[in-house]
């Protein structure tokens, strides 16, 4: 199946609705899912995607733990894709991103950057 890119700039807001948790590959053994390309543990994050007067919560997979991402905070999502899937009569859409991080920079890091940009 082809991964379809999603233009996140079209959303009026993206908020973490469910905190990151590692994805389980095998429920019997508890083995965690690992990203084929990076070797990192895959996490899933529930994101509320808002556009105009509508909002949907989707589960997005991302390689590596999205540090600083917590319930209720606005986030930035890089390279969001949707991939339709079908397996044994079941079907759906899998969402994936290369990175999910808090929208705002940590306190103190934006002050000097703004000062330098204005000089």
Protein backbone atom coordinates (compact mmCIF):
# COMPACT_ATOMS: atom_id res chain seq x y z
CA UNK A 1 0.00 0.00 0.00
CA UNK A 2 1.06 3.57 -0.66
CA UNK A 3 1.57 6.01 2.21
CA UNK A 4 -0.40 9.19 1.50
CA UNK A 5 1.15 12.43 2.83
CA UNK A 6 -1.01 14.67 5.01
CA UNK A 7 -0.45 18.45 4.98
CA UNK A 8 -0.46 19.28 8.70
CA UNK A 9 -0.39 23.02 7.88
CA UNK A 10 -4.09 22.71 6.98
CA UNK A 11 -5.04 21.89 10.59
CA UNK A 12 -5.99 24.74 12.93
CA UNK A 13 -4.47 22.78 15.81
CA UNK A 14 -2.97 19.44 16.80
CA UNK A 15 -3.13 18.44 20.46
CA UNK A 16 -1.92 15.33 22.26
CA UNK A 17 -5.07 13.50 23.41
CA UNK A 18 -3.42 10.25 24.58
CA UNK A 19 0.14 10.22 25.92
CA UNK A 20 2.83 8.20 24.07
CA UNK A 21 3.04 4.48 24.83
CA UNK A 22 5.26 1.81 23.24
CA UNK A 23 3.52 -0.31 20.59
CA UNK A 24 3.39 -4.00 21.35
CA UNK A 25 4.30 -6.33 18.46
CA UNK A 26 3.42 -9.58 20.21
CA UNK A 27 0.81 -9.50 22.98
CA UNK A 28 1.69 -13.01 24.17
CA UNK A 29 5.38 -12.24 24.77
CA UNK A 30 5.12 -8.48 25.36
CA UNK A 31 7.71 -7.86 22.64
CA UNK A 32 7.70 -4.22 21.51
CA UNK A 33 7.46 -3.12 17.88
CA UNK A 34 10.74 -1.83 16.42
CA UNK A 35 11.10 0.52 13.45
CA UNK A 36 12.78 -1.29 10.53
CA UNK A 37 14.76 1.76 9.38
CA UNK A 38 15.97 3.22 12.70
CA UNK A 39 15.87 0.25 15.09
CA UNK A 40 14.03 2.44 17.63
CA UNK A 41 10.99 1.33 19.60
CA UNK A 42 7.77 2.48 17.91
CA UNK A 43 5.44 4.59 20.08
CA UNK A 44 1.78 5.39 19.52
CA UNK A 45 0.28 8.77 20.35
CA UNK A 46 -3.39 9.79 20.25
CA UNK A 47 -3.60 13.13 18.45
CA UNK A 48 -6.61 15.42 18.16
CA UNK A 49 -6.51 16.90 14.65
CA UNK A 50 -8.60 20.08 14.47
CA UNK A 51 -9.76 21.78 11.28
CA UNK A 52 -12.37 24.52 11.38
CA UNK A 53 -15.33 23.31 13.43
CA UNK A 54 -14.43 19.60 13.38
CA UNK A 55 -11.91 17.46 15.24
CA UNK A 56 -10.87 13.83 15.08
CA UNK A 57 -8.63 11.77 17.33
CA UNK A 58 -6.29 9.40 15.51
CA UNK A 59 -3.55 7.11 16.75
CA UNK A 60 -0.20 7.94 15.17
CA UNK A 61 2.88 5.70 15.25
CA UNK A 62 6.30 7.32 15.55
CA UNK A 63 9.82 5.83 15.89
CA UNK A 64 11.45 6.71 19.21
CA UNK A 65 9.89 8.17 22.35
CA UNK A 66 8.36 11.63 21.71
CA UNK A 67 9.95 13.48 24.64
CA UNK A 68 7.91 16.22 26.30
CA UNK A 69 4.65 15.13 24.64
CA UNK A 70 1.87 14.94 27.25
CA UNK A 71 -1.93 15.00 27.32
CA UNK A 72 -3.43 18.36 26.43
CA UNK A 73 -0.38 20.06 24.93
CA UNK A 74 -0.16 21.35 21.35
CA UNK A 75 2.29 19.36 19.24
CA UNK A 76 4.14 19.61 15.96
CA UNK A 77 4.01 16.57 13.65
CA UNK A 78 6.59 15.98 10.93
CA UNK A 79 5.96 13.87 7.82
CA UNK A 80 2.46 12.63 8.75
CA UNK A 81 1.18 9.92 6.40
CA UNK A 82 -1.93 7.77 6.14
CA UNK A 83 -1.71 4.23 4.77
CA UNK A 84 -4.89 2.25 4.02
CA UNK A 85 -4.66 -1.42 5.02
CA UNK A 86 -6.69 -4.63 4.80
CA UNK A 87 -6.05 -7.92 6.55
CA UNK A 88 -8.36 -10.96 6.71
CA UNK A 89 -11.51 -8.92 6.05
CA UNK A 90 -10.57 -6.13 8.44
CA UNK A 91 -9.51 -2.74 7.13
CA UNK A 92 -8.50 0.71 8.32
CA UNK A 93 -5.99 3.50 8.01
CA UNK A 94 -2.60 3.51 9.73
CA UNK A 95 -1.16 6.93 10.59
CA UNK A 96 2.58 7.41 10.93
CA UNK A 97 4.95 10.34 11.51
CA UNK A 98 8.72 10.68 11.60
CA UNK A 99 8.56 12.99 14.64
CA UNK A 100 6.09 14.36 17.18
CA UNK A 101 7.28 17.09 19.55
CA UNK A 102 5.81 19.83 21.73
CA UNK A 103 4.88 22.92 19.71
CA UNK A 104 6.51 25.39 22.08
CA UNK A 105 10.23 25.46 22.74
CA UNK A 106 11.43 24.95 26.33
CA UNK A 107 11.56 28.13 28.42
CA UNK A 108 14.82 30.00 28.07
CA UNK A 109 15.76 28.64 24.66
CA UNK A 110 13.60 31.09 22.70
CA UNK A 111 14.78 34.27 24.44
CA UNK A 112 18.34 34.54 23.04
CA UNK A 113 17.23 33.32 19.59
CA UNK A 114 14.64 36.09 19.34
CA UNK A 115 17.11 38.72 20.51
CA UNK A 116 19.68 37.61 17.96
CA UNK A 117 17.13 37.57 15.16
CA UNK A 118 16.07 41.16 15.87
CA UNK A 119 19.57 42.67 15.89
